[in-house]
Amino acid sequence: MEKLENCNYTVELGRQLKFSLVGIAGQDISEGNATLTLGIWSSHILFDLHCVYRIFSNLIRILFYSFRGLKNQMWIRYHVRIRFAN
């Protein structure tokens, strides 16, 4: 019974995250329907990858602006110009 509840919860979470889960129920997963299980699994993986991409792109943006600020401070304080090689 707990397995079916977990499968139903997985489908419910997928629907809350706006996954396209037409005709998929928790019972299909618990019965071992490979096609439907793979569909839910791949949707979750793509969502996770998208979240990781957003986190890292924001981190890179923060580091870029922090370094740019440091570069400007170096120019203002010490008249040292930092250049990037192409």
N, C-alpha and C. Protein backbone atom coordinates (compact mmCIF):
# COMPACT_ATOMS: atom_id res chain seq x y z
N MET A 1 0.82 -1.20 0.00
CA MET A 1 0.00 0.00 0.00
C MET A 1 0.87 1.27 0.00
N GLU A 2 1.96 1.21 0.78
CA GLU A 2 2.85 2.39 0.85
C GLU A 2 3.51 2.67 -0.50
N LYS A 3 3.82 1.61 -1.24
CA LYS A 3 4.41 1.78 -2.56
C LYS A 3 3.45 2.53 -3.49
N LEU A 4 2.19 2.14 -3.47
CA LEU A 4 1.19 2.80 -4.31
C LEU A 4 1.01 4.27 -3.90
N GLU A 5 1.03 4.54 -2.60
CA GLU A 5 0.91 5.93 -2.13
C GLU A 5 2.09 6.76 -2.61
N ASN A 6 3.29 6.19 -2.56
CA ASN A 6 4.47 6.91 -3.05
C ASN A 6 4.38 7.18 -4.55
N CYS A 7 3.88 6.20 -5.29
CA CYS A 7 3.73 6.37 -6.74
C CYS A 7 2.68 7.44 -7.05
N ASN A 8 1.58 7.43 -6.31
CA ASN A 8 0.56 8.47 -6.51
C ASN A 8 1.11 9.85 -6.16
N TYR A 9 1.92 9.92 -5.12
CA TYR A 9 2.52 11.19 -4.72
C TYR A 9 3.48 11.70 -5.81
N THR A 10 4.20 10.79 -6.43
CA THR A 10 5.11 11.17 -7.52
C THR A 10 4.33 11.78 -8.68
N VAL A 11 3.22 11.17 -9.04
CA VAL A 11 2.39 11.70 -10.13
C VAL A 11 1.81 13.05 -9.73
N GLU A 12 1.37 13.16 -8.48
CA GLU A 12 0.81 14.43 -8.00
C GLU A 12 1.85 15.55 -8.05
N LEU A 13 3.08 15.26 -7.62
CA LEU A 13 4.14 16.26 -7.69
C LEU A 13 4.43 16.67 -9.14
N GLY A 14 4.43 15.70 -10.02
CA GLY A 14 4.65 15.99 -11.43
C GLY A 14 3.59 16.92 -11.99
N ARG A 15 2.36 16.71 -11.60
CA ARG A 15 1.27 17.58 -12.07
C ARG A 15 1.40 18.98 -11.48
N GLN A 16 1.82 19.07 -10.21
CA GLN A 16 2.02 20.38 -9.60
C GLN A 16 3.14 21.15 -10.28
N LEU A 17 4.13 20.43 -10.80
CA LEU A 17 5.25 21.06 -11.50
C LEU A 17 4.94 21.27 -12.98
N LYS A 18 3.68 21.04 -13.38
CA LYS A 18 3.19 21.28 -14.73
C LYS A 18 3.80 20.32 -15.76
N PHE A 19 4.13 19.09 -15.34
CA PHE A 19 4.57 18.08 -16.30
C PHE A 19 3.36 17.61 -17.09
N SER A 20 3.59 17.17 -18.29
CA SER A 20 2.52 16.63 -19.11
C SER A 20 2.35 15.15 -18.75
N LEU A 21 1.39 14.86 -17.88
CA LEU A 21 1.16 13.50 -17.39
C LEU A 21 -0.25 13.05 -17.74
N VAL A 22 -0.50 12.91 -19.01
CA VAL A 22 -1.83 12.52 -19.47
C VAL A 22 -1.93 10.99 -19.43
N GLY A 23 -2.92 10.51 -18.72
CA GLY A 23 -3.15 9.07 -18.67
C GLY A 23 -2.18 8.30 -17.81
N ILE A 24 -1.49 8.96 -16.90
CA ILE A 24 -0.54 8.28 -16.02
C ILE A 24 -1.08 8.35 -14.60
N ALA A 25 -1.08 7.21 -13.93
CA ALA A 25 -1.51 7.15 -12.54
C ALA A 25 -0.43 6.42 -11.74
N GLY A 26 -0.49 6.54 -10.43
CA GLY A 26 0.48 5.87 -9.59
C GLY A 26 0.43 4.36 -9.72
N GLN A 27 -0.75 3.84 -10.02
CA GLN A 27 -0.90 2.40 -10.18
C GLN A 27 -0.09 1.89 -11.37
N ASP A 28 0.01 2.70 -12.43
CA ASP A 28 0.81 2.29 -13.60
C ASP A 28 2.27 2.11 -13.22
N ILE A 29 2.76 3.00 -12.37
CA ILE A 29 4.16 2.90 -11.95
C ILE A 29 4.35 1.69 -11.05
N SER A 30 3.45 1.52 -10.09
CA SER A 30 3.60 0.40 -9.14
C SER A 30 3.46 -0.96 -9.84
N GLU A 31 2.69 -1.00 -10.93
CA GLU A 31 2.55 -2.25 -11.68
C GLU A 31 3.75 -2.50 -12.59
N GLY A 32 4.60 -1.51 -12.77
CA GLY A 32 5.81 -1.72 -13.55
C GLY A 32 5.69 -1.38 -15.02
N ASN A 33 4.77 -0.51 -15.39
CA ASN A 33 4.66 -0.09 -16.79
C ASN A 33 5.89 0.74 -17.13
N ALA A 34 6.80 0.14 -17.87
CA ALA A 34 8.10 0.75 -18.13
C ALA A 34 8.00 2.05 -18.92
N THR A 35 7.12 2.11 -19.89
CA THR A 35 6.99 3.30 -20.73
C THR A 35 6.53 4.51 -19.92
N LEU A 36 5.51 4.33 -19.11
CA LEU A 36 4.99 5.44 -18.31
C LEU A 36 5.97 5.83 -17.21
N THR A 37 6.62 4.83 -16.60
CA THR A 37 7.60 5.11 -15.56
C THR A 37 8.77 5.90 -16.14
N LEU A 38 9.23 5.53 -17.30
CA LEU A 38 10.32 6.24 -17.95
C LEU A 38 9.91 7.67 -18.31
N GLY A 39 8.65 7.85 -18.71
CA GLY A 39 8.17 9.19 -19.03
C GLY A 39 8.20 10.11 -17.83
N ILE A 40 7.75 9.63 -16.68
CA ILE A 40 7.78 10.44 -15.46
C ILE A 40 9.22 10.67 -15.02
N TRP A 41 10.02 9.63 -15.05
CA TRP A 41 11.42 9.74 -14.63
C TRP A 41 12.17 10.75 -15.49
N SER A 42 11.99 10.70 -16.80
CA SER A 42 12.70 11.64 -17.68
C SER A 42 12.22 13.07 -17.47
N SER A 43 10.92 13.26 -17.17
CA SER A 43 10.42 14.60 -16.88
C SER A 43 11.06 15.16 -15.62
N HIS A 44 11.18 14.33 -14.60
CA HIS A 44 11.81 14.77 -13.36
C HIS A 44 13.29 15.10 -13.58
N ILE A 45 13.98 14.28 -14.34
CA ILE A 45 15.40 14.53 -14.62
C ILE A 45 15.57 15.85 -15.36
N LEU A 46 14.75 16.10 -16.38
CA LEU A 46 14.85 17.36 -17.12
C LEU A 46 14.56 18.56 -16.22
N PHE A 47 13.59 18.42 -15.33
CA PHE A 47 13.28 19.50 -14.39
C PHE A 47 14.47 19.75 -13.47
N ASP A 48 15.08 18.68 -12.95
CA ASP A 48 16.24 18.83 -12.08
C ASP A 48 17.40 19.50 -12.81
N LEU A 49 17.63 19.10 -14.04
CA LEU A 49 18.71 19.71 -14.83
C LEU A 49 18.44 21.19 -15.06
N HIS A 50 17.19 21.54 -15.30
CA HIS A 50 16.84 22.94 -15.49
C HIS A 50 17.10 23.74 -14.21
N CYS A 51 16.77 23.16 -13.06
CA CYS A 51 17.03 23.85 -11.78
C CYS A 51 18.53 24.04 -11.56
N VAL A 52 19.31 23.01 -11.85
CA VAL A 52 20.77 23.13 -11.69
C VAL A 52 21.32 24.18 -12.64
N TYR A 53 20.82 24.22 -13.87
CA TYR A 53 21.27 25.23 -14.82
C TYR A 53 20.97 26.64 -14.32
N ARG A 54 19.76 26.84 -13.78
CA ARG A 54 19.40 28.17 -13.26
C ARG A 54 20.30 28.57 -12.11
N ILE A 55 20.58 27.63 -11.22
CA ILE A 55 21.44 27.93 -10.07
C ILE A 55 22.83 28.31 -10.54
N PHE A 56 23.42 27.52 -11.44
CA PHE A 56 24.78 27.80 -11.89
C PHE A 56 24.86 29.04 -12.75
N SER A 57 23.85 29.30 -13.56
CA SER A 57 23.90 30.52 -14.38
C SER A 57 23.82 31.75 -13.48
N ASN A 58 23.01 31.70 -12.42
CA ASN A 58 22.97 32.82 -11.47
C ASN A 58 24.28 32.96 -10.73
N LEU A 59 24.90 31.84 -10.36
CA LEU A 59 26.19 31.88 -9.68
C LEU A 59 27.26 32.49 -10.58
N ILE A 60 27.28 32.10 -11.83
CA ILE A 60 28.27 32.66 -12.77
C ILE A 60 28.04 34.15 -12.95
N ARG A 61 26.78 34.56 -13.03
CA ARG A 61 26.47 35.98 -13.16
C ARG A 61 26.95 36.76 -11.93
N ILE A 62 26.74 36.21 -10.75
CA ILE A 62 27.20 36.87 -9.52
C ILE A 62 28.71 36.98 -9.50
N LEU A 63 29.39 35.89 -9.86
CA LEU A 63 30.86 35.93 -9.88
C LEU A 63 31.37 36.93 -10.92
N PHE A 64 30.73 37.00 -12.07
CA PHE A 64 31.14 37.92 -13.12
C PHE A 64 31.04 39.36 -12.64
N TYR A 65 29.88 39.72 -12.05
CA TYR A 65 29.71 41.09 -11.58
C TYR A 65 30.61 41.40 -10.39
N SER A 66 30.88 40.40 -9.54
CA SER A 66 31.80 40.62 -8.42
C SER A 66 33.20 40.88 -8.94
N PHE A 67 33.63 40.09 -9.93
CA PHE A 67 34.97 40.29 -10.48
C PHE A 67 35.06 41.61 -11.23
N ARG A 68 33.99 41.98 -11.92
CA ARG A 68 34.00 43.26 -12.62
C ARG A 68 34.11 44.41 -11.63
N GLY A 69 33.42 44.29 -10.49
CA GLY A 69 33.53 45.31 -9.45
C GLY A 69 34.94 45.37 -8.89
N LEU A 70 35.58 44.20 -8.69
CA LEU A 70 36.95 44.16 -8.20
C LEU A 70 37.90 44.80 -9.21
N LYS A 71 37.67 44.52 -10.47
CA LYS A 71 38.50 45.09 -11.52
C LYS A 71 38.39 46.62 -11.51
N ASN A 72 37.18 47.15 -11.35
CA ASN A 72 37.00 48.60 -11.30
C ASN A 72 37.65 49.20 -10.05
N GLN A 73 37.57 48.49 -8.92
CA GLN A 73 38.22 48.98 -7.71
C GLN A 73 39.73 49.03 -7.87
N MET A 74 40.27 48.01 -8.53
CA MET A 74 41.73 48.00 -8.75
C MET A 74 42.14 49.19 -9.61
N TRP A 75 41.36 49.55 -10.60
CA TRP A 75 41.67 50.68 -11.46
C TRP A 75 41.57 51.99 -10.68
N ILE A 76 40.54 52.12 -9.87
CA ILE A 76 40.34 53.37 -9.12
C ILE A 76 41.43 53.53 -8.06
N ARG A 77 41.76 52.50 -7.33
CA ARG A 77 42.72 52.61 -6.23
C ARG A 77 44.17 52.63 -6.69
N TYR A 78 44.53 51.72 -7.58
CA TYR A 78 45.94 51.51 -7.90
C TYR A 78 46.29 51.81 -9.35
N HIS A 79 45.35 52.24 -10.13
CA HIS A 79 45.53 52.48 -11.57
C HIS A 79 46.12 51.25 -12.27
N VAL A 80 45.65 50.11 -11.84
CA VAL A 80 46.07 48.85 -12.46
C VAL A 80 44.93 48.40 -13.36
N ARG A 81 45.24 48.18 -14.60
CA ARG A 81 44.24 47.75 -15.56
C ARG A 81 44.37 46.24 -15.76
N ILE A 82 43.27 45.54 -15.59
CA ILE A 82 43.24 44.09 -15.78
C ILE A 82 42.62 43.82 -17.14
N ARG A 83 43.33 43.07 -17.96
CA ARG A 83 42.84 42.73 -19.29
C ARG A 83 42.72 41.23 -19.42
N PHE A 84 41.77 40.82 -20.20
CA PHE A 84 41.55 39.40 -20.45
C PHE A 84 42.15 39.02 -21.79
N ALA A 85 42.77 37.86 -21.82
CA ALA A 85 43.31 37.37 -23.10
C ALA A 85 42.17 36.76 -23.89
N ASN A 86 42.18 36.97 -25.21
CA ASN A 86 41.12 36.41 -26.06
C ASN A 86 41.38 34.98 -26.36
